[in-house]
Amino acid sequence: MDYSKLINEHKQSGADATISVINVPWSEASRFGIINMEPESKRIIDFEEKPEKPKSNLVSMGIYLFNWAILKKYLEKEEKNPFSSKDFGKDIIPAMLRDSCHIHAYCFSGYWKDVGTVESFWEANMDLLSARTNPILVNEEWKIYTSGLPQPPMYLDEEGSMHKSIISEGCVVFGRVDNSVLFNGVRIAKGAKIKDSVILPNTIIGENAVINRAVIGRGCVIEANAKIGDSAPFSDITLIGDHQTIQKNHPIEKMFK
């Protein structure tokens, strides 16, 4: 996001606060704060925090810009309220609307992904695997803010293979990796097959293990011949929590949802 545009529009509107908003699929709308605004002025007239039946699919991105004096006033007010949850969406924004404050909607149309669910986290990683959807390639001005890791470069063995994937530093790959994202320090043994999956740091995948449409937590051990996930398109994403050991014939569907 170009924050200079957000700041300029906030100043031009004369608003007390500005909320960045974006349209999402109706099926996901109930996960967010729902915005209703006047179309021409973009003044927000209604805000609902994660309603079961949303009136709109225009949602808050969780990016706010306040005039300091206004923000200070409402923060101090909520601090004195013993029943307040001290939350912008639940308390601050609704209180400002009740007091007829001018809250402006900044309509954003670029790439944005909320990663509050396993599926959305998986989708955001899959977006990195296509030049068409990769936000970093599409937006060259985007910067990557991450810590450097003192690890050796990724190693791909002569018996291993990689297709349409991102493999980070410190990974060692003897198996096959297709359409997947491997975080740092992941080891893929001979004969293992990883497809449409996200493998978090320092996980070990044993020989001939098969992983499809899954998110594997950090520090896991997937033992030889274990099978995780469903290769069918649009099947649910399987989640394995951090530091788990998964053996062959492990009842994953009963332990992880």
C-alpha atoms as a PDB file:
ATOM      1  CA  MET A   1       0.000   0.000   0.000  1.00  0.00           C
ATOM      2  CA  ASP A   2       1.152   3.519  -0.839  1.00  0.00           C
ATOM      3  CA  TYR A   3       0.676   5.181   2.546  1.00  0.00           C
ATOM      4  CA  SER A   4       1.274   8.649   1.099  1.00  0.00           C
ATOM      5  CA  LYS A   5      -2.017   8.302  -0.814  1.00  0.00           C
ATOM      6  CA  LEU A   6      -3.800   7.258   2.372  1.00  0.00           C
ATOM      7  CA  ILE A   7      -2.388  10.241   4.281  1.00  0.00           C
ATOM      8  CA  ASN A   8      -3.200  12.715   1.500  1.00  0.00           C
ATOM      9  CA  GLU A   9      -6.785  11.495   1.179  1.00  0.00           C
ATOM     10  CA  HIS A  10      -7.225  11.648   4.947  1.00  0.00           C
ATOM     11  CA  LYS A  11      -6.073  15.279   4.991  1.00  0.00           C
ATOM     12  CA  GLN A  12      -8.229  16.239   2.009  1.00  0.00           C
ATOM     13  CA  SER A  13     -11.337  14.676   3.526  1.00  0.00           C
ATOM     14  CA  GLY A  14     -10.959  16.590   6.790  1.00  0.00           C
ATOM     15  CA  ALA A  15     -11.846  13.418   8.665  1.00  0.00           C
ATOM     16  CA  ASP A  16     -11.199  12.636  12.314  1.00  0.00           C
ATOM     17  CA  ALA A  17     -10.075   9.154  11.286  1.00  0.00           C
ATOM     18  CA  THR A  18      -9.627   7.123   8.119  1.00  0.00           C
ATOM     19  CA  ILE A  19     -10.017   3.369   7.739  1.00  0.00           C
ATOM     20  CA  SER A  20      -8.528   1.449   4.796  1.00  0.00           C
ATOM     21  CA  VAL A  21     -11.230  -0.766   3.282  1.00  0.00           C
ATOM     22  CA  ILE A  22     -11.429  -3.434   0.608  1.00  0.00           C
ATOM     23  CA  ASN A  23     -14.062  -5.704  -0.921  1.00  0.00           C
ATOM     24  CA  VAL A  24     -13.785  -9.406  -0.045  1.00  0.00           C
ATOM     25  CA  PRO A  25     -15.842 -12.419  -1.156  1.00  0.00           C
ATOM     26  CA  TRP A  26     -19.194 -12.564   0.645  1.00  0.00           C
ATOM     27  CA  SER A  27     -18.260 -15.987   2.036  1.00  0.00           C
ATOM     28  CA  GLU A  28     -15.415 -14.381   4.027  1.00  0.00           C
ATOM     29  CA  ALA A  29     -17.113 -11.134   5.052  1.00  0.00           C
ATOM     30  CA  SER A  30     -18.238 -12.305   8.507  1.00  0.00           C
ATOM     31  CA  ARG A  31     -14.577 -12.604   9.577  1.00  0.00           C
ATOM     32  CA  PHE A  32     -14.052  -8.851   9.358  1.00  0.00           C
ATOM     33  CA  GLY A  33     -15.315  -5.486  10.494  1.00  0.00           C
ATOM     34  CA  ILE A  34     -18.053  -4.551   7.999  1.00  0.00           C
ATOM     35  CA  ILE A  35     -18.140  -1.038   6.555  1.00  0.00           C
ATOM     36  CA  ASN A  36     -21.116   0.871   5.185  1.00  0.00           C
ATOM     37  CA  MET A  37     -20.347   4.272   3.665  1.00  0.00           C
ATOM     38  CA  GLU A  38     -21.876   7.088   1.661  1.00  0.00           C
ATOM     39  CA  PRO A  39     -20.764   6.306  -1.925  1.00  0.00           C
ATOM     40  CA  GLU A  40     -19.864   9.850  -2.985  1.00  0.00           C
ATOM     41  CA  SER A  41     -18.227  11.260   0.132  1.00  0.00           C
ATOM     42  CA  LYS A  42     -16.871   7.890   1.370  1.00  0.00           C
ATOM     43  CA  ARG A  43     -17.968   8.870   4.865  1.00  0.00           C
ATOM     44  CA  ILE A  44     -18.502   5.785   7.007  1.00  0.00           C
ATOM     45  CA  ILE A  45     -22.017   5.626   8.430  1.00  0.00           C
ATOM     46  CA  ASP A  46     -22.023   2.156   9.970  1.00  0.00           C
ATOM     47  CA  PHE A  47     -19.468  -0.322  11.313  1.00  0.00           C
ATOM     48  CA  GLU A  48     -20.129  -3.886  12.510  1.00  0.00           C
ATOM     49  CA  GLU A  49     -17.394  -6.014  14.025  1.00  0.00           C
ATOM     50  CA  LYS A  50     -17.550  -9.555  12.585  1.00  0.00           C
ATOM     51  CA  PRO A  51     -21.354  -9.904  12.273  1.00  0.00           C
ATOM     52  CA  GLU A  52     -22.865 -13.323  11.540  1.00  0.00           C
ATOM     53  CA  LYS A  53     -24.936 -11.825   8.706  1.00  0.00           C
ATOM     54  CA  PRO A  54     -22.946  -8.969   7.169  1.00  0.00           C
ATOM     55  CA  LYS A  55     -24.810  -6.199   5.333  1.00  0.00           C
ATOM     56  CA  SER A  56     -21.864  -5.541   3.055  1.00  0.00           C
ATOM     57  CA  ASN A  57     -18.706  -7.192   1.776  1.00  0.00           C
ATOM     58  CA  LEU A  58     -16.715  -3.972   2.169  1.00  0.00           C
ATOM     59  CA  VAL A  59     -14.439  -4.640   5.125  1.00  0.00           C
ATOM     60  CA  SER A  60     -11.860  -2.944   7.305  1.00  0.00           C
ATOM     61  CA  MET A  61      -8.267  -3.880   6.530  1.00  0.00           C
ATOM     62  CA  GLY A  62      -7.271  -3.073  10.105  1.00  0.00           C
ATOM     63  CA  ILE A  63      -5.231  -0.060   8.934  1.00  0.00           C
ATOM     64  CA  TYR A  64      -6.309   3.143  10.694  1.00  0.00           C
ATOM     65  CA  LEU A  65      -5.200   6.759  10.502  1.00  0.00           C
ATOM     66  CA  PHE A  66      -6.315   9.082  13.325  1.00  0.00           C
ATOM     67  CA  ASN A  67      -5.970  12.710  14.196  1.00  0.00           C
ATOM     68  CA  TRP A  68      -3.916  12.502  17.384  1.00  0.00           C
ATOM     69  CA  ALA A  69      -6.164  14.650  19.583  1.00  0.00           C
ATOM     70  CA  ILE A  70      -9.205  12.538  18.668  1.00  0.00           C
ATOM     71  CA  LEU A  71      -7.403   9.253  19.208  1.00  0.00           C
ATOM     72  CA  LYS A  72      -6.030  10.387  22.577  1.00  0.00           C
ATOM     73  CA  LYS A  73      -9.516  11.406  23.711  1.00  0.00           C
ATOM     74  CA  TYR A  74     -11.096   8.036  22.918  1.00  0.00           C
ATOM     75  CA  LEU A  75      -8.188   5.970  24.217  1.00  0.00           C
ATOM     76  CA  GLU A  76      -8.385   7.743  27.558  1.00  0.00           C
ATOM     77  CA  LYS A  77     -12.158   7.285  27.624  1.00  0.00           C
ATOM     78  CA  GLU A  78     -11.911   3.545  26.951  1.00  0.00           C
ATOM     79  CA  GLU A  79      -9.150   3.147  29.529  1.00  0.00           C
ATOM     80  CA  LYS A  80     -11.553   4.390  32.202  1.00  0.00           C
ATOM     81  CA  ASN A  81     -14.343   2.045  31.055  1.00  0.00           C
ATOM     82  CA  PRO A  82     -14.130  -1.231  33.050  1.00  0.00           C
ATOM     83  CA  PHE A  83     -16.336  -2.992  30.493  1.00  0.00           C
ATOM     84  CA  SER A  84     -14.258  -2.013  27.460  1.00  0.00           C
ATOM     85  CA  SER A  85     -12.304  -4.680  25.614  1.00  0.00           C
ATOM     86  CA  LYS A  86      -9.783  -1.998  24.554  1.00  0.00           C
ATOM     87  CA  ASP A  87     -10.251  -2.881  20.901  1.00  0.00           C
ATOM     88  CA  PHE A  88     -10.450  -0.519  17.900  1.00  0.00           C
ATOM     89  CA  GLY A  89     -13.130  -2.491  16.075  1.00  0.00           C
ATOM     90  CA  LYS A  90     -15.247  -3.309  19.112  1.00  0.00           C
ATOM     91  CA  ASP A  91     -14.899  -0.070  21.085  1.00  0.00           C
ATOM     92  CA  ILE A  92     -13.066   2.901  19.561  1.00  0.00           C
ATOM     93  CA  ILE A  93     -14.641   3.015  16.073  1.00  0.00           C
ATOM     94  CA  PRO A  94     -18.234   2.367  17.266  1.00  0.00           C
ATOM     95  CA  ALA A  95     -17.851   5.050  19.973  1.00  0.00           C
ATOM     96  CA  MET A  96     -16.651   7.585  17.424  1.00  0.00           C
ATOM     97  CA  LEU A  97     -19.581   6.832  15.128  1.00  0.00           C
ATOM     98  CA  ARG A  98     -22.043   7.203  18.003  1.00  0.00           C
ATOM     99  CA  ASP A  99     -20.548  10.638  18.623  1.00  0.00           C
ATOM    100  CA  SER A 100     -20.948  11.555  14.921  1.00  0.00           C
ATOM    101  CA  CYS A 101     -17.220  11.788  14.308  1.00  0.00           C
ATOM    102  CA  HIS A 102     -16.174  12.012  10.681  1.00  0.00           C
ATOM    103  CA  ILE A 103     -14.641   8.668   9.719  1.00  0.00           C
ATOM    104  CA  HIS A 104     -13.487   8.378   6.110  1.00  0.00           C
ATOM    105  CA  ALA A 105     -13.077   5.188   4.035  1.00  0.00           C
ATOM    106  CA  TYR A 106      -9.916   4.849   1.974  1.00  0.00           C
ATOM    107  CA  CYS A 107     -10.800   2.326  -0.757  1.00  0.00           C
ATOM    108  CA  PHE A 108      -7.872   0.047  -1.557  1.00  0.00           C
ATOM    109  CA  SER A 109      -7.888  -2.134  -4.677  1.00  0.00           C
ATOM    110  CA  GLY A 110      -4.442  -3.756  -4.635  1.00  0.00           C
ATOM    111  CA  TYR A 111      -3.265  -7.040  -3.129  1.00  0.00           C
ATOM    112  CA  TRP A 112      -4.270  -7.700   0.462  1.00  0.00           C
ATOM    113  CA  LYS A 113      -4.716 -10.928   2.363  1.00  0.00           C
ATOM    114  CA  ASP A 114      -5.799 -11.453   5.947  1.00  0.00           C
ATOM    115  CA  VAL A 115      -4.066 -14.574   7.301  1.00  0.00           C
ATOM    116  CA  GLY A 116      -6.353 -15.166  10.263  1.00  0.00           C
ATOM    117  CA  THR A 117      -7.279 -18.693   9.147  1.00  0.00           C
ATOM    118  CA  VAL A 118      -5.274 -21.727   8.035  1.00  0.00           C
ATOM    119  CA  GLU A 119      -6.849 -21.574   4.586  1.00  0.00           C
ATOM    120  CA  SER A 120      -6.069 -17.867   4.061  1.00  0.00           C
ATOM    121  CA  PHE A 121      -2.481 -18.392   5.296  1.00  0.00           C
ATOM    122  CA  TRP A 122      -2.132 -21.244   2.792  1.00  0.00           C
ATOM    123  CA  GLU A 123      -3.659 -19.134   0.000  1.00  0.00           C
ATOM    124  CA  ALA A 124      -1.296 -16.232   0.705  1.00  0.00           C
ATOM    125  CA  ASN A 125       1.688 -18.555   0.351  1.00  0.00           C
ATOM    126  CA  MET A 126       0.285 -20.111  -2.837  1.00  0.00           C
ATOM    127  CA  ASP A 127      -0.078 -16.594  -4.274  1.00  0.00           C
ATOM    128  CA  LEU A 128       3.717 -16.290  -4.122  1.00  0.00           C
ATOM    129  CA  LEU A 129       4.097 -19.139  -6.605  1.00  0.00           C
ATOM    130  CA  SER A 130       2.652 -17.402  -9.643  1.00  0.00           C
ATOM    131  CA  ALA A 131       4.146 -14.370 -11.376  1.00  0.00           C
ATOM    132  CA  ARG A 132       0.578 -13.198 -11.950  1.00  0.00           C
ATOM    133  CA  THR A 133      -0.432 -13.257  -8.273  1.00  0.00           C
ATOM    134  CA  ASN A 134       2.902 -12.747  -6.495  1.00  0.00           C
ATOM    135  CA  PRO A 135       2.484  -9.296  -4.891  1.00  0.00           C
ATOM    136  CA  ILE A 136       6.243  -8.798  -4.583  1.00  0.00           C
ATOM    137  CA  LEU A 137       6.854  -9.359  -8.306  1.00  0.00           C
ATOM    138  CA  VAL A 138       3.813  -7.349  -9.373  1.00  0.00           C
ATOM    139  CA  ASN A 139       4.689  -4.458  -7.033  1.00  0.00           C
ATOM    140  CA  GLU A 140       8.410  -3.860  -7.453  1.00  0.00           C
ATOM    141  CA  GLU A 141       8.342  -1.005  -4.939  1.00  0.00           C
ATOM    142  CA  TRP A 142       7.309  -3.391  -2.148  1.00  0.00           C
ATOM    143  CA  LYS A 143      10.060  -4.025   0.355  1.00  0.00           C
ATOM    144  CA  ILE A 144      10.676  -7.270   2.221  1.00  0.00           C
ATOM    145  CA  TYR A 145      11.130  -6.736   5.951  1.00  0.00           C
ATOM    146  CA  THR A 146      12.652  -9.895   7.392  1.00  0.00           C
ATOM    147  CA  SER A 147      15.704 -10.901   9.388  1.00  0.00           C
ATOM    148  CA  GLY A 148      18.655 -12.422   7.613  1.00  0.00           C
ATOM    149  CA  LEU A 149      19.482 -16.006   8.573  1.00  0.00           C
ATOM    150  CA  PRO A 150      23.091 -17.238   8.713  1.00  0.00           C
ATOM    151  CA  GLN A 151      22.326 -20.499   6.914  1.00  0.00           C
ATOM    152  CA  PRO A 152      23.879 -22.126   3.839  1.00  0.00           C
ATOM    153  CA  PRO A 153      22.132 -21.889   0.464  1.00  0.00           C
ATOM    154  CA  MET A 154      19.408 -24.363  -0.424  1.00  0.00           C
ATOM    155  CA  TYR A 155      20.724 -27.705  -1.712  1.00  0.00           C
ATOM    156  CA  LEU A 156      18.851 -29.686  -4.384  1.00  0.00           C
ATOM    157  CA  ASP A 157      20.165 -33.224  -4.851  1.00  0.00           C
ATOM    158  CA  GLU A 158      20.510 -34.814  -8.295  1.00  0.00           C
ATOM    159  CA  GLU A 159      17.651 -37.183  -7.394  1.00  0.00           C
ATOM    160  CA  GLY A 160      15.494 -34.346  -6.121  1.00  0.00           C
ATOM    161  CA  SER A 161      13.266 -32.054  -8.163  1.00  0.00           C
ATOM    162  CA  MET A 162      11.571 -28.700  -7.741  1.00  0.00           C
ATOM    163  CA  HIS A 163       8.775 -27.141  -9.790  1.00  0.00           C
ATOM    164  CA  LYS A 164       7.036 -23.795  -9.258  1.00  0.00           C
ATOM    165  CA  SER A 165       8.166 -23.547  -5.648  1.00  0.00           C
ATOM    166  CA  ILE A 166       9.998 -21.285  -3.217  1.00  0.00           C
ATOM    167  CA  ILE A 167      12.710 -22.979  -1.181  1.00  0.00           C
ATOM    168  CA  SER A 168      14.479 -20.976   1.502  1.00  0.00           C
ATOM    169  CA  GLU A 169      18.007 -20.964   2.894  1.00  0.00           C
ATOM    170  CA  GLY A 170      19.226 -24.033   4.739  1.00  0.00           C
ATOM    171  CA  CYS A 171      16.839 -26.446   2.977  1.00  0.00           C
ATOM    172  CA  VAL A 172      18.085 -29.808   1.745  1.00  0.00           C
ATOM    173  CA  VAL A 173      15.928 -31.532  -0.875  1.00  0.00           C
ATOM    174  CA  PHE A 174      16.393 -35.147  -1.970  1.00  0.00           C
ATOM    175  CA  GLY A 175      12.707 -35.647  -2.866  1.00  0.00           C
ATOM    176  CA  ARG A 176      10.172 -33.905  -5.090  1.00  0.00           C
ATOM    177  CA  VAL A 177       8.662 -30.483  -4.358  1.00  0.00           C
ATOM    178  CA  ASP A 178       5.787 -29.160  -6.516  1.00  0.00           C
ATOM    179  CA  ASN A 179       3.914 -25.868  -6.099  1.00  0.00           C
ATOM    180  CA  SER A 180       4.991 -25.461  -2.478  1.00  0.00           C
ATOM    181  CA  VAL A 181       6.732 -23.077  -0.098  1.00  0.00           C
ATOM    182  CA  LEU A 182       9.527 -24.369   2.128  1.00  0.00           C
ATOM    183  CA  PHE A 183      10.690 -22.145   4.976  1.00  0.00           C
ATOM    184  CA  ASN A 184      14.295 -22.224   6.178  1.00  0.00           C
ATOM    185  CA  GLY A 185      15.993 -25.392   7.365  1.00  0.00           C
ATOM    186  CA  VAL A 186      13.492 -27.892   5.947  1.00  0.00           C
ATOM    187  CA  ARG A 187      14.872 -31.314   4.958  1.00  0.00           C
ATOM    188  CA  ILE A 188      13.114 -33.474   2.371  1.00  0.00           C
ATOM    189  CA  ALA A 189      14.328 -37.087   2.225  1.00  0.00           C
ATOM    190  CA  LYS A 190      14.667 -39.313  -0.832  1.00  0.00           C
ATOM    191  CA  GLY A 191      11.378 -40.383  -2.403  1.00  0.00           C
ATOM    192  CA  ALA A 192       9.275 -37.884  -0.475  1.00  0.00           C
ATOM    193  CA  LYS A 193       6.662 -35.925  -2.450  1.00  0.00           C
ATOM    194  CA  ILE A 194       5.463 -32.468  -1.388  1.00  0.00           C
ATOM    195  CA  LYS A 195       2.683 -30.791  -3.370  1.00  0.00           C
ATOM    196  CA  ASP A 196       0.541 -27.662  -2.832  1.00  0.00           C
ATOM    197  CA  SER A 197       1.874 -27.300   0.705  1.00  0.00           C
ATOM    198  CA  VAL A 198       3.582 -24.910   3.105  1.00  0.00           C
ATOM    199  CA  ILE A 199       6.341 -26.340   5.286  1.00  0.00           C
ATOM    200  CA  LEU A 200       7.471 -24.151   8.190  1.00  0.00           C
ATOM    201  CA  PRO A 201      11.064 -23.945   9.502  1.00  0.00           C
ATOM    202  CA  ASN A 202      13.248 -26.873  10.555  1.00  0.00           C
ATOM    203  CA  THR A 203      10.767 -29.608   9.707  1.00  0.00           C
ATOM    204  CA  ILE A 204      12.054 -32.999   8.569  1.00  0.00           C
ATOM    205  CA  ILE A 205      10.161 -35.006   5.947  1.00  0.00           C
ATOM    206  CA  GLY A 206      11.104 -38.714   5.912  1.00  0.00           C
ATOM    207  CA  GLU A 207      11.674 -41.042   2.969  1.00  0.00           C
ATOM    208  CA  ASN A 208       8.680 -41.710   0.706  1.00  0.00           C
ATOM    209  CA  ALA A 209       6.390 -39.494   2.791  1.00  0.00           C
ATOM    210  CA  VAL A 210       3.579 -37.837   0.791  1.00  0.00           C
ATOM    211  CA  ILE A 211       2.171 -34.408   1.682  1.00  0.00           C
ATOM    212  CA  ASN A 212      -0.677 -32.741  -0.235  1.00  0.00           C
ATOM    213  CA  ARG A 213      -2.521 -29.459   0.440  1.00  0.00           C
ATOM    214  CA  ALA A 214      -1.144 -29.055   3.934  1.00  0.00           C
ATOM    215  CA  VAL A 215       0.459 -26.566   6.311  1.00  0.00           C
ATOM    216  CA  ILE A 216       3.139 -28.285   8.384  1.00  0.00           C
ATOM    217  CA  GLY A 217       4.249 -26.467  11.529  1.00  0.00           C
ATOM    218  CA  ARG A 218       7.817 -25.677  12.539  1.00  0.00           C
ATOM    219  CA  GLY A 219      10.092 -28.329  13.971  1.00  0.00           C
ATOM    220  CA  CYS A 220       7.923 -31.288  12.940  1.00  0.00           C
ATOM    221  CA  VAL A 221       9.115 -34.765  12.036  1.00  0.00           C
ATOM    222  CA  ILE A 222       7.095 -36.498   9.329  1.00  0.00           C
ATOM    223  CA  GLU A 223       8.372 -40.055   9.421  1.00  0.00           C
ATOM    224  CA  ALA A 224       9.003 -42.367   6.465  1.00  0.00           C
ATOM    225  CA  ASN A 225       5.964 -43.414   4.399  1.00  0.00           C
ATOM    226  CA  ALA A 226       3.560 -41.114   6.260  1.00  0.00           C
ATOM    227  CA  LYS A 227       0.762 -39.608   4.180  1.00  0.00           C
ATOM    228  CA  ILE A 228      -0.756 -36.213   4.974  1.00  0.00           C
ATOM    229  CA  GLY A 229      -3.535 -34.348   3.213  1.00  0.00           C
ATOM    230  CA  ASP A 230      -5.840 -34.877   0.260  1.00  0.00           C
ATOM    231  CA  SER A 231      -4.683 -34.265  -3.291  1.00  0.00           C
ATOM    232  CA  ALA A 232      -8.212 -33.630  -4.581  1.00  0.00           C
ATOM    233  CA  PRO A 233      -8.741 -30.025  -5.786  1.00  0.00           C
ATOM    234  CA  PHE A 234     -10.625 -27.804  -3.313  1.00  0.00           C
ATOM    235  CA  SER A 235     -10.216 -30.325  -0.485  1.00  0.00           C
ATOM    236  CA  ASP A 236      -9.677 -28.932   3.020  1.00  0.00           C
ATOM    237  CA  ILE A 237      -6.201 -27.818   4.031  1.00  0.00           C
ATOM    238  CA  THR A 238      -4.632 -30.170   6.577  1.00  0.00           C
ATOM    239  CA  LEU A 239      -2.851 -28.496   9.493  1.00  0.00           C
ATOM    240  CA  ILE A 240      -0.073 -30.091  11.528  1.00  0.00           C
ATOM    241  CA  GLY A 241       0.855 -28.074  14.616  1.00  0.00           C
ATOM    242  CA  ASP A 242       4.390 -27.185  15.648  1.00  0.00           C
ATOM    243  CA  HIS A 243       6.818 -29.852  16.921  1.00  0.00           C
ATOM    244  CA  GLN A 244       4.621 -32.833  16.049  1.00  0.00           C
ATOM    245  CA  THR A 245       5.887 -36.280  15.074  1.00  0.00           C
ATOM    246  CA  ILE A 246       3.693 -37.964  12.476  1.00  0.00           C
ATOM    247  CA  GLN A 247       4.132 -41.663  11.808  1.00  0.00           C
ATOM    248  CA  LYS A 248       2.831 -43.883   9.039  1.00  0.00           C
ATOM    249  CA  ASN A 249      -0.947 -44.507   9.352  1.00  0.00           C
ATOM    250  CA  HIS A 250      -1.261 -41.761  11.957  1.00  0.00           C
ATOM    251  CA  PRO A 251      -4.949 -40.735  12.307  1.00  0.00           C
ATOM    252  CA  ILE A 252      -4.346 -37.116  11.299  1.00  0.00           C
ATOM    253  CA  GLU A 253      -7.948 -36.369  10.387  1.00  0.00           C
ATOM    254  CA  LYS A 254      -8.977 -37.118  13.997  1.00  0.00           C
ATOM    255  CA  MET A 255      -6.255 -35.025  15.615  1.00  0.00           C
ATOM    256  CA  PHE A 256      -6.064 -32.009  13.331  1.00  0.00           C
ATOM    257  CA  LYS A 257      -8.958 -30.137  11.764  1.00  0.00           C
END
